[in-house]
Amino acid sequence: MKKNDKNIFIVVTHIIKKENNQYVAICPEFDVSSFGDTVEEANENLKEAITLYLEGIDELKIRDQVFKEKSIKTYTGRPKSVEMNKYKFEKGFDNQPFIKKEPLQVALCK
């Protein structure tokens, strides 16, 4: 991270769907996935997987290149246009994916 980074956020897609008895969460922007026994656990595990991915590209010093290639826009504050509602699967729709775009903080002013 650069010293002049200030509370930098990106918005990434979370696709969560039920497969058998678990929920699978995917971030297509970075081709990262995770799973959990509940929607919330799958979502939290996905955030952790994305964070590890971002730490890896930071360590390789290729974050700017990756963001450019994947058209990832950065924000200097939490984006207001992103809906942050909790979600749940409706009965009878267990195999339908839930998709949301969620802000993720990638840098913090020290």
PDB file of N, CA and C in Angstrom:
ATOM      1  N   MET A   1       0.831  -1.183   0.000  1.00  0.00           N
ATOM      2  CA  MET A   1       0.000   0.000   0.000  1.00  0.00           C
ATOM      3  C   MET A   1       0.875   1.246   0.000  1.00  0.00           C
ATOM      4  N   LYS A   2       0.417   2.230  -0.669  1.00  0.00           N
ATOM      5  CA  LYS A   2       1.155   3.486  -0.722  1.00  0.00           C
ATOM      6  C   LYS A   2       0.861   4.307   0.526  1.00  0.00           C
ATOM      7  N   LYS A   3       1.830   5.119   0.938  1.00  0.00           N
ATOM      8  CA  LYS A   3       1.638   5.936   2.138  1.00  0.00           C
ATOM      9  C   LYS A   3       0.497   6.925   1.978  1.00  0.00           C
ATOM     10  N   ASN A   4       0.216   7.361   0.749  1.00  0.00           N
ATOM     11  CA  ASN A   4      -0.833   8.362   0.563  1.00  0.00           C
ATOM     12  C   ASN A   4      -2.220   7.746   0.359  1.00  0.00           C
ATOM     13  N   ASP A   5      -2.330   6.409   0.458  1.00  0.00           N
ATOM     14  CA  ASP A   5      -3.653   5.779   0.391  1.00  0.00           C
ATOM     15  C   ASP A   5      -4.464   6.225   1.606  1.00  0.00           C
ATOM     16  N   LYS A   6      -5.721   6.594   1.397  1.00  0.00           N
ATOM     17  CA  LYS A   6      -6.602   7.000   2.492  1.00  0.00           C
ATOM     18  C   LYS A   6      -7.905   6.244   2.380  1.00  0.00           C
ATOM     19  N   ASN A   7      -8.184   5.385   3.309  1.00  0.00           N
ATOM     20  CA  ASN A   7      -9.458   4.693   3.336  1.00  0.00           C
ATOM     21  C   ASN A   7      -9.958   4.359   1.925  1.00  0.00           C
ATOM     22  N   ILE A   8      -9.202   3.560   1.222  1.00  0.00           N
ATOM     23  CA  ILE A   8      -9.532   3.207  -0.146  1.00  0.00           C
ATOM     24  C   ILE A   8     -10.456   1.993  -0.153  1.00  0.00           C
ATOM     25  N   PHE A   9     -11.522   2.082  -0.932  1.00  0.00           N
ATOM     26  CA  PHE A   9     -12.485   0.994  -1.075  1.00  0.00           C
ATOM     27  C   PHE A   9     -12.581   0.580  -2.531  1.00  0.00           C
ATOM     28  N   ILE A  10     -12.969  -0.675  -2.746  1.00  0.00           N
ATOM     29  CA  ILE A  10     -13.363  -1.150  -4.059  1.00  0.00           C
ATOM     30  C   ILE A  10     -14.735  -1.781  -3.897  1.00  0.00           C
ATOM     31  N   VAL A  11     -15.433  -1.975  -4.989  1.00  0.00           N
ATOM     32  CA  VAL A  11     -16.730  -2.655  -4.949  1.00  0.00           C
ATOM     33  C   VAL A  11     -16.580  -3.944  -5.732  1.00  0.00           C
ATOM     34  N   VAL A  12     -16.865  -5.058  -5.076  1.00  0.00           N
ATOM     35  CA  VAL A  12     -16.763  -6.356  -5.724  1.00  0.00           C
ATOM     36  C   VAL A  12     -18.098  -7.097  -5.629  1.00  0.00           C
ATOM     37  N   THR A  13     -18.293  -8.002  -6.554  1.00  0.00           N
ATOM     38  CA  THR A  13     -19.529  -8.777  -6.618  1.00  0.00           C
ATOM     39  C   THR A  13     -19.420 -10.008  -5.733  1.00  0.00           C
ATOM     40  N   HIS A  14     -20.484 -10.281  -4.998  1.00  0.00           N
ATOM     41  CA  HIS A  14     -20.594 -11.506  -4.202  1.00  0.00           C
ATOM     42  C   HIS A  14     -21.755 -12.310  -4.789  1.00  0.00           C
ATOM     43  N   ILE A  15     -21.458 -13.483  -5.297  1.00  0.00           N
ATOM     44  CA  ILE A  15     -22.497 -14.389  -5.780  1.00  0.00           C
ATOM     45  C   ILE A  15     -22.537 -15.541  -4.790  1.00  0.00           C
ATOM     46  N   ILE A  16     -23.696 -15.747  -4.178  1.00  0.00           N
ATOM     47  CA  ILE A  16     -23.822 -16.790  -3.170  1.00  0.00           C
ATOM     48  C   ILE A  16     -24.964 -17.704  -3.577  1.00  0.00           C
ATOM     49  N   LYS A  17     -24.674 -19.009  -3.619  1.00  0.00           N
ATOM     50  CA  LYS A  17     -25.710 -19.962  -3.981  1.00  0.00           C
ATOM     51  C   LYS A  17     -25.571 -21.204  -3.114  1.00  0.00           C
ATOM     52  N   LYS A  18     -26.688 -21.889  -2.961  1.00  0.00           N
ATOM     53  CA  LYS A  18     -26.696 -23.087  -2.143  1.00  0.00           C
ATOM     54  C   LYS A  18     -26.348 -24.287  -3.010  1.00  0.00           C
ATOM     55  N   GLU A  19     -25.406 -25.075  -2.533  1.00  0.00           N
ATOM     56  CA  GLU A  19     -25.033 -26.317  -3.197  1.00  0.00           C
ATOM     57  C   GLU A  19     -25.037 -27.409  -2.139  1.00  0.00           C
ATOM     58  N   ASN A  20     -25.960 -28.343  -2.290  1.00  0.00           N
ATOM     59  CA  ASN A  20     -26.168 -29.403  -1.300  1.00  0.00           C
ATOM     60  C   ASN A  20     -26.481 -28.766   0.048  1.00  0.00           C
ATOM     61  N   ASN A  21     -25.668 -29.014   1.067  1.00  0.00           N
ATOM     62  CA  ASN A  21     -25.936 -28.473   2.407  1.00  0.00           C
ATOM     63  C   ASN A  21     -25.080 -27.275   2.760  1.00  0.00           C
ATOM     64  N   GLN A  22     -24.362 -26.707   1.770  1.00  0.00           N
ATOM     65  CA  GLN A  22     -23.509 -25.554   2.053  1.00  0.00           C
ATOM     66  C   GLN A  22     -23.797 -24.429   1.064  1.00  0.00           C
ATOM     67  N   TYR A  23     -23.336 -23.254   1.426  1.00  0.00           N
ATOM     68  CA  TYR A  23     -23.456 -22.089   0.562  1.00  0.00           C
ATOM     69  C   TYR A  23     -22.075 -21.786  -0.020  1.00  0.00           C
ATOM     70  N   VAL A  24     -22.035 -21.571  -1.311  1.00  0.00           N
ATOM     71  CA  VAL A  24     -20.795 -21.245  -2.011  1.00  0.00           C
ATOM     72  C   VAL A  24     -20.844 -19.768  -2.374  1.00  0.00           C
ATOM     73  N   ALA A  25     -19.764 -19.057  -2.090  1.00  0.00           N
ATOM     74  CA  ALA A  25     -19.669 -17.626  -2.371  1.00  0.00           C
ATOM     75  C   ALA A  25     -18.523 -17.400  -3.354  1.00  0.00           C
ATOM     76  N   ILE A  26     -18.801 -16.614  -4.397  1.00  0.00           N
ATOM     77  CA  ILE A  26     -17.831 -16.391  -5.463  1.00  0.00           C
ATOM     78  C   ILE A  26     -17.680 -14.892  -5.701  1.00  0.00           C
ATOM     79  N   CYS A  27     -16.453 -14.455  -5.923  1.00  0.00           N
ATOM     80  CA  CYS A  27     -16.157 -13.095  -6.360  1.00  0.00           C
ATOM     81  C   CYS A  27     -15.591 -13.204  -7.772  1.00  0.00           C
ATOM     82  N   PRO A  28     -16.424 -12.951  -8.803  1.00  0.00           N
ATOM     83  CA  PRO A  28     -15.956 -13.144 -10.179  1.00  0.00           C
ATOM     84  C   PRO A  28     -14.860 -12.176 -10.615  1.00  0.00           C
ATOM     85  N   GLU A  29     -14.792 -10.997 -10.015  1.00  0.00           N
ATOM     86  CA  GLU A  29     -13.755 -10.039 -10.403  1.00  0.00           C
ATOM     87  C   GLU A  29     -12.358 -10.616 -10.189  1.00  0.00           C
ATOM     88  N   PHE A  30     -12.177 -11.370  -9.107  1.00  0.00           N
ATOM     89  CA  PHE A  30     -10.862 -11.905  -8.774  1.00  0.00           C
ATOM     90  C   PHE A  30     -10.792 -13.425  -8.893  1.00  0.00           C
ATOM     91  N   ASP A  31     -11.883 -14.066  -9.324  1.00  0.00           N
ATOM     92  CA  ASP A  31     -11.953 -15.522  -9.444  1.00  0.00           C
ATOM     93  C   ASP A  31     -11.581 -16.190  -8.119  1.00  0.00           C
ATOM     94  N   VAL A  32     -12.195 -15.680  -7.039  1.00  0.00           N
ATOM     95  CA  VAL A  32     -11.960 -16.167  -5.686  1.00  0.00           C
ATOM     96  C   VAL A  32     -13.279 -16.725  -5.168  1.00  0.00           C
ATOM     97  N   SER A  33     -13.204 -17.823  -4.424  1.00  0.00           N
ATOM     98  CA  SER A  33     -14.433 -18.387  -3.870  1.00  0.00           C
ATOM     99  C   SER A  33     -14.181 -18.936  -2.475  1.00  0.00           C
ATOM    100  N   SER A  34     -15.279 -19.181  -1.782  1.00  0.00           N
ATOM    101  CA  SER A  34     -15.236 -19.769  -0.454  1.00  0.00           C
ATOM    102  C   SER A  34     -16.590 -20.407  -0.191  1.00  0.00           C
ATOM    103  N   PHE A  35     -16.796 -20.924   1.009  1.00  0.00           N
ATOM    104  CA  PHE A  35     -18.062 -21.572   1.330  1.00  0.00           C
ATOM    105  C   PHE A  35     -18.323 -21.463   2.825  1.00  0.00           C
ATOM    106  N   GLY A  36     -19.524 -21.848   3.217  1.00  0.00           N
ATOM    107  CA  GLY A  36     -19.893 -21.864   4.623  1.00  0.00           C
ATOM    108  C   GLY A  36     -21.191 -22.598   4.825  1.00  0.00           C
ATOM    109  N   ASP A  37     -21.500 -22.871   6.076  1.00  0.00           N
ATOM    110  CA  ASP A  37     -22.746 -23.573   6.410  1.00  0.00           C
ATOM    111  C   ASP A  37     -23.957 -22.657   6.340  1.00  0.00           C
ATOM    112  N   THR A  38     -23.729 -21.345   6.421  1.00  0.00           N
ATOM    113  CA  THR A  38     -24.814 -20.361   6.311  1.00  0.00           C
ATOM    114  C   THR A  38     -24.416 -19.328   5.270  1.00  0.00           C
ATOM    115  N   VAL A  39     -25.382 -18.545   4.830  1.00  0.00           N
ATOM    116  CA  VAL A  39     -25.102 -17.474   3.880  1.00  0.00           C
ATOM    117  C   VAL A  39     -24.103 -16.494   4.482  1.00  0.00           C
ATOM    118  N   GLU A  40     -24.321 -16.131   5.733  1.00  0.00           N
ATOM    119  CA  GLU A  40     -23.448 -15.170   6.401  1.00  0.00           C
ATOM    120  C   GLU A  40     -22.022 -15.699   6.520  1.00  0.00           C
ATOM    121  N   GLU A  41     -21.876 -16.973   6.880  1.00  0.00           N
ATOM    122  CA  GLU A  41     -20.545 -17.565   7.014  1.00  0.00           C
ATOM    123  C   GLU A  41     -19.841 -17.627   5.652  1.00  0.00           C
ATOM    124  N   ALA A  42     -20.564 -18.007   4.615  1.00  0.00           N
ATOM    125  CA  ALA A  42     -19.980 -18.041   3.271  1.00  0.00           C
ATOM    126  C   ALA A  42     -19.538 -16.647   2.844  1.00  0.00           C
ATOM    127  N   ASN A  43     -20.356 -15.644   3.142  1.00  0.00           N
ATOM    128  CA  ASN A  43     -20.026 -14.269   2.779  1.00  0.00           C
ATOM    129  C   ASN A  43     -18.791 -13.780   3.538  1.00  0.00           C
ATOM    130  N   GLU A  44     -18.721 -14.050   4.835  1.00  0.00           N
ATOM    131  CA  GLU A  44     -17.559 -13.653   5.639  1.00  0.00           C
ATOM    132  C   GLU A  44     -16.299 -14.375   5.162  1.00  0.00           C
ATOM    133  N   ASN A  45     -16.422 -15.665   4.844  1.00  0.00           N
ATOM    134  CA  ASN A  45     -15.270 -16.413   4.350  1.00  0.00           C
ATOM    135  C   ASN A  45     -14.815 -15.892   2.991  1.00  0.00           C
ATOM    136  N   LEU A  46     -15.758 -15.445   2.168  1.00  0.00           N
ATOM    137  CA  LEU A  46     -15.399 -14.858   0.882  1.00  0.00           C
ATOM    138  C   LEU A  46     -14.628 -13.554   1.090  1.00  0.00           C
ATOM    139  N   LYS A  47     -15.086 -12.726   2.022  1.00  0.00           N
ATOM    140  CA  LYS A  47     -14.368 -11.470   2.312  1.00  0.00           C
ATOM    141  C   LYS A  47     -12.934 -11.766   2.733  1.00  0.00           C
ATOM    142  N   GLU A  48     -12.753 -12.803   3.552  1.00  0.00           N
ATOM    143  CA  GLU A  48     -11.408 -13.178   3.999  1.00  0.00           C
ATOM    144  C   GLU A  48     -10.565 -13.657   2.807  1.00  0.00           C
ATOM    145  N   ALA A  49     -11.166 -14.451   1.918  1.00  0.00           N
ATOM    146  CA  ALA A  49     -10.447 -14.944   0.739  1.00  0.00           C
ATOM    147  C   ALA A  49     -10.042 -13.789  -0.181  1.00  0.00           C
ATOM    148  N   ILE A  50     -10.939 -12.814  -0.353  1.00  0.00           N
ATOM    149  CA  ILE A  50     -10.626 -11.641  -1.179  1.00  0.00           C
ATOM    150  C   ILE A  50      -9.483 -10.850  -0.553  1.00  0.00           C
ATOM    151  N   THR A  51      -9.538 -10.685   0.771  1.00  0.00           N
ATOM    152  CA  THR A  51      -8.485  -9.957   1.481  1.00  0.00           C
ATOM    153  C   THR A  51      -7.137 -10.640   1.297  1.00  0.00           C
ATOM    154  N   LEU A  52      -7.103 -11.969   1.388  1.00  0.00           N
ATOM    155  CA  LEU A  52      -5.858 -12.707   1.181  1.00  0.00           C
ATOM    156  C   LEU A  52      -5.356 -12.537  -0.254  1.00  0.00           C
ATOM    157  N   TYR A  53      -6.273 -12.547  -1.211  1.00  0.00           N
ATOM    158  CA  TYR A  53      -5.906 -12.320  -2.612  1.00  0.00           C
ATOM    159  C   TYR A  53      -5.286 -10.932  -2.775  1.00  0.00           C
ATOM    160  N   LEU A  54      -5.936  -9.934  -2.181  1.00  0.00           N
ATOM    161  CA  LEU A  54      -5.435  -8.564  -2.285  1.00  0.00           C
ATOM    162  C   LEU A  54      -4.071  -8.415  -1.611  1.00  0.00           C
ATOM    163  N   GLU A  55      -3.877  -9.069  -0.471  1.00  0.00           N
ATOM    164  CA  GLU A  55      -2.578  -9.033   0.198  1.00  0.00           C
ATOM    165  C   GLU A  55      -1.504  -9.646  -0.703  1.00  0.00           C
ATOM    166  N   GLY A  56      -1.867 -10.709  -1.416  1.00  0.00           N
ATOM    167  CA  GLY A  56      -0.927 -11.363  -2.320  1.00  0.00           C
ATOM    168  C   GLY A  56      -0.507 -10.459  -3.468  1.00  0.00           C
ATOM    169  N   ILE A  57      -1.480  -9.768  -4.078  1.00  0.00           N
ATOM    170  CA  ILE A  57      -1.108  -8.887  -5.196  1.00  0.00           C
ATOM    171  C   ILE A  57      -0.380  -7.647  -4.697  1.00  0.00           C
ATOM    172  N   ASP A  58      -0.659  -7.234  -3.454  1.00  0.00           N
ATOM    173  CA  ASP A  58       0.099  -6.115  -2.869  1.00  0.00           C
ATOM    174  C   ASP A  58       1.551  -6.537  -2.635  1.00  0.00           C
ATOM    175  N   GLU A  59       1.727  -7.750  -2.125  1.00  0.00           N
ATOM    176  CA  GLU A  59       3.077  -8.251  -1.864  1.00  0.00           C
ATOM    177  C   GLU A  59       3.881  -8.350  -3.164  1.00  0.00           C
ATOM    178  N   LEU A  60       3.210  -8.722  -4.246  1.00  0.00           N
ATOM    179  CA  LEU A  60       3.866  -8.810  -5.556  1.00  0.00           C
ATOM    180  C   LEU A  60       3.986  -7.446  -6.233  1.00  0.00           C
ATOM    181  N   LYS A  61       3.405  -6.427  -5.592  1.00  0.00           N
ATOM    182  CA  LYS A  61       3.414  -5.055  -6.112  1.00  0.00           C
ATOM    183  C   LYS A  61       2.759  -4.950  -7.498  1.00  0.00           C
ATOM    184  N   ILE A  62       1.630  -5.674  -7.644  1.00  0.00           N
ATOM    185  CA  ILE A  62       0.912  -5.642  -8.926  1.00  0.00           C
ATOM    186  C   ILE A  62      -0.544  -5.220  -8.762  1.00  0.00           C
ATOM    187  N   ARG A  63      -0.872  -4.634  -7.601  1.00  0.00           N
ATOM    188  CA  ARG A  63      -2.263  -4.252  -7.361  1.00  0.00           C
ATOM    189  C   ARG A  63      -2.776  -3.288  -8.426  1.00  0.00           C
ATOM    190  N   ASP A  64      -2.030  -2.230  -8.721  1.00  0.00           N
ATOM    191  CA  ASP A  64      -2.503  -1.256  -9.717  1.00  0.00           C
ATOM    192  C   ASP A  64      -2.709  -1.924 -11.073  1.00  0.00           C
ATOM    193  N   GLN A  65      -1.806  -2.799 -11.450  1.00  0.00           N
ATOM    194  CA  GLN A  65      -1.911  -3.508 -12.729  1.00  0.00           C
ATOM    195  C   GLN A  65      -3.158  -4.400 -12.760  1.00  0.00           C
ATOM    196  N   VAL A  66      -3.386  -5.161 -11.684  1.00  0.00           N
ATOM    197  CA  VAL A  66      -4.541  -6.053 -11.611  1.00  0.00           C
ATOM    198  C   VAL A  66      -5.835  -5.249 -11.640  1.00  0.00           C
ATOM    199  N   PHE A  67      -5.895  -4.167 -10.860  1.00  0.00           N
ATOM    200  CA  PHE A  67      -7.100  -3.339 -10.844  1.00  0.00           C
ATOM    201  C   PHE A  67      -7.377  -2.766 -12.232  1.00  0.00           C
ATOM    202  N   LYS A  68      -6.348  -2.356 -12.932  1.00  0.00           N
ATOM    203  CA  LYS A  68      -6.529  -1.803 -14.273  1.00  0.00           C
ATOM    204  C   LYS A  68      -7.035  -2.878 -15.233  1.00  0.00           C
ATOM    205  N   GLU A  69      -6.408  -4.055 -15.202  1.00  0.00           N
ATOM    206  CA  GLU A  69      -6.809  -5.160 -16.082  1.00  0.00           C
ATOM    207  C   GLU A  69      -8.250  -5.595 -15.834  1.00  0.00           C
ATOM    208  N   LYS A  70      -8.676  -5.554 -14.591  1.00  0.00           N
ATOM    209  CA  LYS A  70     -10.011  -6.025 -14.222  1.00  0.00           C
ATOM    210  C   LYS A  70     -11.024  -4.889 -14.096  1.00  0.00           C
ATOM    211  N   SER A  71     -10.611  -3.679 -14.478  1.00  0.00           N
ATOM    212  CA  SER A  71     -11.465  -2.486 -14.428  1.00  0.00           C
ATOM    213  C   SER A  71     -12.073  -2.268 -13.048  1.00  0.00           C
ATOM    214  N   ILE A  72     -11.251  -2.436 -12.007  1.00  0.00           N
ATOM    215  CA  ILE A  72     -11.680  -2.211 -10.631  1.00  0.00           C
ATOM    216  C   ILE A  72     -11.489  -0.741 -10.303  1.00  0.00           C
ATOM    217  N   LYS A  73     -12.578  -0.071  -9.971  1.00  0.00           N
ATOM    218  CA  LYS A  73     -12.539   1.341  -9.612  1.00  0.00           C
ATOM    219  C   LYS A  73     -12.315   1.465  -8.106  1.00  0.00           C
ATOM    220  N   THR A  74     -11.499   2.442  -7.706  1.00  0.00           N
ATOM    221  CA  THR A  74     -11.268   2.675  -6.279  1.00  0.00           C
ATOM    222  C   THR A  74     -12.032   3.917  -5.834  1.00  0.00           C
ATOM    223  N   TYR A  75     -12.431   3.919  -4.565  1.00  0.00           N
ATOM    224  CA  TYR A  75     -13.172   5.014  -3.956  1.00  0.00           C
ATOM    225  C   TYR A  75     -12.412   5.464  -2.714  1.00  0.00           C
ATOM    226  N   THR A  76     -12.419   6.764  -2.433  1.00  0.00           N
ATOM    227  CA  THR A  76     -11.717   7.273  -1.253  1.00  0.00           C
ATOM    228  C   THR A  76     -12.578   7.254   0.001  1.00  0.00           C
ATOM    229  N   GLY A  77     -13.802   6.811  -0.105  1.00  0.00           N
ATOM    230  CA  GLY A  77     -14.690   6.620   1.026  1.00  0.00           C
ATOM    231  C   GLY A  77     -15.657   5.509   0.690  1.00  0.00           C
ATOM    232  N   ARG A  78     -16.371   5.008   1.680  1.00  0.00           N
ATOM    233  CA  ARG A  78     -17.314   3.915   1.430  1.00  0.00           C
ATOM    234  C   ARG A  78     -18.356   4.385   0.420  1.00  0.00           C
ATOM    235  N   PRO A  79     -18.493   3.678  -0.687  1.00  0.00           N
ATOM    236  CA  PRO A  79     -19.477   4.081  -1.708  1.00  0.00           C
ATOM    237  C   PRO A  79     -20.888   4.080  -1.144  1.00  0.00           C
ATOM    238  N   LYS A  80     -21.612   5.154  -1.414  1.00  0.00           N
ATOM    239  CA  LYS A  80     -22.974   5.283  -0.894  1.00  0.00           C
ATOM    240  C   LYS A  80     -24.003   4.597  -1.794  1.00  0.00           C
ATOM    241  N   SER A  81     -23.661   4.365  -3.045  1.00  0.00           N
ATOM    242  CA  SER A  81     -24.624   3.804  -3.985  1.00  0.00           C
ATOM    243  C   SER A  81     -24.792   2.301  -3.849  1.00  0.00           C
ATOM    244  N   VAL A  82     -24.016   1.674  -2.983  1.00  0.00           N
ATOM    245  CA  VAL A  82     -24.071   0.225  -2.841  1.00  0.00           C
ATOM    246  C   VAL A  82     -25.034  -0.139  -1.725  1.00  0.00           C
ATOM    247  N   GLU A  83     -25.990  -0.976  -2.028  1.00  0.00           N
ATOM    248  CA  GLU A  83     -26.965  -1.392  -1.029  1.00  0.00           C
ATOM    249  C   GLU A  83     -26.315  -2.384  -0.075  1.00  0.00           C
ATOM    250  N   MET A  84     -26.467  -2.133   1.215  1.00  0.00           N
ATOM    251  CA  MET A  84     -25.809  -2.963   2.221  1.00  0.00           C
ATOM    252  C   MET A  84     -26.798  -3.806   3.025  1.00  0.00           C
ATOM    253  N   ASN A  85     -27.950  -4.092   2.463  1.00  0.00           N
ATOM    254  CA  ASN A  85     -28.974  -4.841   3.187  1.00  0.00           C
ATOM    255  C   ASN A  85     -28.546  -6.269   3.473  1.00  0.00           C
ATOM    256  N   LYS A  86     -29.060  -6.799   4.565  1.00  0.00           N
ATOM    257  CA  LYS A  86     -28.903  -8.227   4.839  1.00  0.00           C
ATOM    258  C   LYS A  86     -29.773  -8.951   3.822  1.00  0.00           C
ATOM    259  N   TYR A  87     -29.485 -10.187   3.603  1.00  0.00           N
ATOM    260  CA  TYR A  87     -30.241 -10.918   2.610  1.00  0.00           C
ATOM    261  C   TYR A  87     -30.532 -12.311   3.119  1.00  0.00           C
ATOM    262  N   LYS A  88     -31.505 -12.956   2.536  1.00  0.00           N
ATOM    263  CA  LYS A  88     -31.814 -14.341   2.873  1.00  0.00           C
ATOM    264  C   LYS A  88     -32.445 -14.993   1.661  1.00  0.00           C
ATOM    265  N   PHE A  89     -32.297 -16.278   1.586  1.00  0.00           N
ATOM    266  CA  PHE A  89     -32.912 -17.018   0.502  1.00  0.00           C
ATOM    267  C   PHE A  89     -34.367 -17.273   0.862  1.00  0.00           C
ATOM    268  N   GLU A  90     -35.241 -17.121  -0.104  1.00  0.00           N
ATOM    269  CA  GLU A  90     -36.649 -17.385   0.131  1.00  0.00           C
ATOM    270  C   GLU A  90     -36.905 -18.877  -0.003  1.00  0.00           C
ATOM    271  N   LYS A  91     -37.926 -19.383   0.703  1.00  0.00           N
ATOM    272  CA  LYS A  91     -38.272 -20.796   0.592  1.00  0.00           C
ATOM    273  C   LYS A  91     -38.581 -21.119  -0.854  1.00  0.00           C
ATOM    274  N   GLY A  92     -38.087 -22.239  -1.297  1.00  0.00           N
ATOM    275  CA  GLY A  92     -38.343 -22.658  -2.669  1.00  0.00           C
ATOM    276  C   GLY A  92     -37.342 -22.115  -3.669  1.00  0.00           C
ATOM    277  N   PHE A  93     -36.435 -21.252  -3.223  1.00  0.00           N
ATOM    278  CA  PHE A  93     -35.449 -20.670  -4.124  1.00  0.00           C
ATOM    279  C   PHE A  93     -34.023 -21.000  -3.675  1.00  0.00           C
ATOM    280  N   ASP A  94     -33.844 -22.103  -2.971  1.00  0.00           N
ATOM    281  CA  ASP A  94     -32.535 -22.452  -2.422  1.00  0.00           C
ATOM    282  C   ASP A  94     -31.442 -22.574  -3.470  1.00  0.00           C
ATOM    283  N   ASN A  95     -31.804 -22.945  -4.697  1.00  0.00           N
ATOM    284  CA  ASN A  95     -30.764 -23.109  -5.710  1.00  0.00           C
ATOM    285  C   ASN A  95     -30.548 -21.843  -6.532  1.00  0.00           C
ATOM    286  N   GLN A  96     -31.272 -20.782  -6.230  1.00  0.00           N
ATOM    287  CA  GLN A  96     -31.106 -19.525  -6.949  1.00  0.00           C
ATOM    288  C   GLN A  96     -30.000 -18.715  -6.291  1.00  0.00           C
ATOM    289  N   PRO A  97     -29.048 -18.210  -7.081  1.00  0.00           N
ATOM    290  CA  PRO A  97     -27.969 -17.434  -6.472  1.00  0.00           C
ATOM    291  C   PRO A  97     -28.443 -16.069  -6.002  1.00  0.00           C
ATOM    292  N   PHE A  98     -27.823 -15.585  -4.958  1.00  0.00           N
ATOM    293  CA  PHE A  98     -28.031 -14.209  -4.505  1.00  0.00           C
ATOM    294  C   PHE A  98     -26.809 -13.437  -4.957  1.00  0.00           C
ATOM    295  N   ILE A  99     -27.016 -12.283  -5.561  1.00  0.00           N
ATOM    296  CA  ILE A  99     -25.911 -11.479  -6.063  1.00  0.00           C
ATOM    297  C   ILE A  99     -26.005 -10.085  -5.468  1.00  0.00           C
ATOM    298  N   LYS A 100     -24.894  -9.585  -4.950  1.00  0.00           N
ATOM    299  CA  LYS A 100     -24.847  -8.203  -4.484  1.00  0.00           C
ATOM    300  C   LYS A 100     -23.456  -7.653  -4.722  1.00  0.00           C
ATOM    301  N   LYS A 101     -23.385  -6.350  -4.806  1.00  0.00           N
ATOM    302  CA  LYS A 101     -22.085  -5.685  -4.908  1.00  0.00           C
ATOM    303  C   LYS A 101     -21.819  -5.061  -3.550  1.00  0.00           C
ATOM    304  N   GLU A 102     -20.643  -5.338  -3.025  1.00  0.00           N
ATOM    305  CA  GLU A 102     -20.342  -4.911  -1.666  1.00  0.00           C
ATOM    306  C   GLU A 102     -19.005  -4.173  -1.615  1.00  0.00           C
ATOM    307  N   PRO A 103     -18.954  -3.034  -0.907  1.00  0.00           N
ATOM    308  CA  PRO A 103     -17.677  -2.340  -0.778  1.00  0.00           C
ATOM    309  C   PRO A 103     -16.741  -3.112   0.140  1.00  0.00           C
ATOM    310  N   LEU A 104     -15.472  -3.062  -0.186  1.00  0.00           N
ATOM    311  CA  LEU A 104     -14.453  -3.715   0.608  1.00  0.00           C
ATOM    312  C   LEU A 104     -13.296  -2.736   0.766  1.00  0.00           C
ATOM    313  N   GLN A 105     -12.888  -2.523   2.004  1.00  0.00           N
ATOM    314  CA  GLN A 105     -11.794  -1.581   2.251  1.00  0.00           C
ATOM    315  C   GLN A 105     -10.474  -2.255   1.895  1.00  0.00           C
ATOM    316  N   VAL A 106      -9.661  -1.594   1.077  1.00  0.00           N
ATOM    317  CA  VAL A 106      -8.388  -2.170   0.668  1.00  0.00           C
ATOM    318  C   VAL A 106      -7.188  -1.408   1.213  1.00  0.00           C
ATOM    319  N   ALA A 107      -7.401  -0.262   1.799  1.00  0.00           N
ATOM    320  CA  ALA A 107      -6.305   0.507   2.396  1.00  0.00           C
ATOM    321  C   ALA A 107      -6.866   1.385   3.502  1.00  0.00           C
ATOM    322  N   LEU A 108      -6.067   1.611   4.509  1.00  0.00           N
ATOM    323  CA  LEU A 108      -6.490   2.423   5.646  1.00  0.00           C
ATOM    324  C   LEU A 108      -5.398   3.436   5.943  1.00  0.00           C
ATOM    325  N   CYS A 109      -5.806   4.656   6.127  1.00  0.00           N
ATOM    326  CA  CYS A 109      -4.855   5.719   6.471  1.00  0.00           C
ATOM    327  C   CYS A 109      -4.259   5.400   7.841  1.00  0.00           C
ATOM    328  N   LYS A 110      -2.951   5.470   7.945  1.00  0.00           N
ATOM    329  CA  LYS A 110      -2.290   5.159   9.228  1.00  0.00           C
ATOM    330  C   LYS A 110      -2.017   6.387  10.038  1.00  0.00           C
TER     331      LYS A 110
END
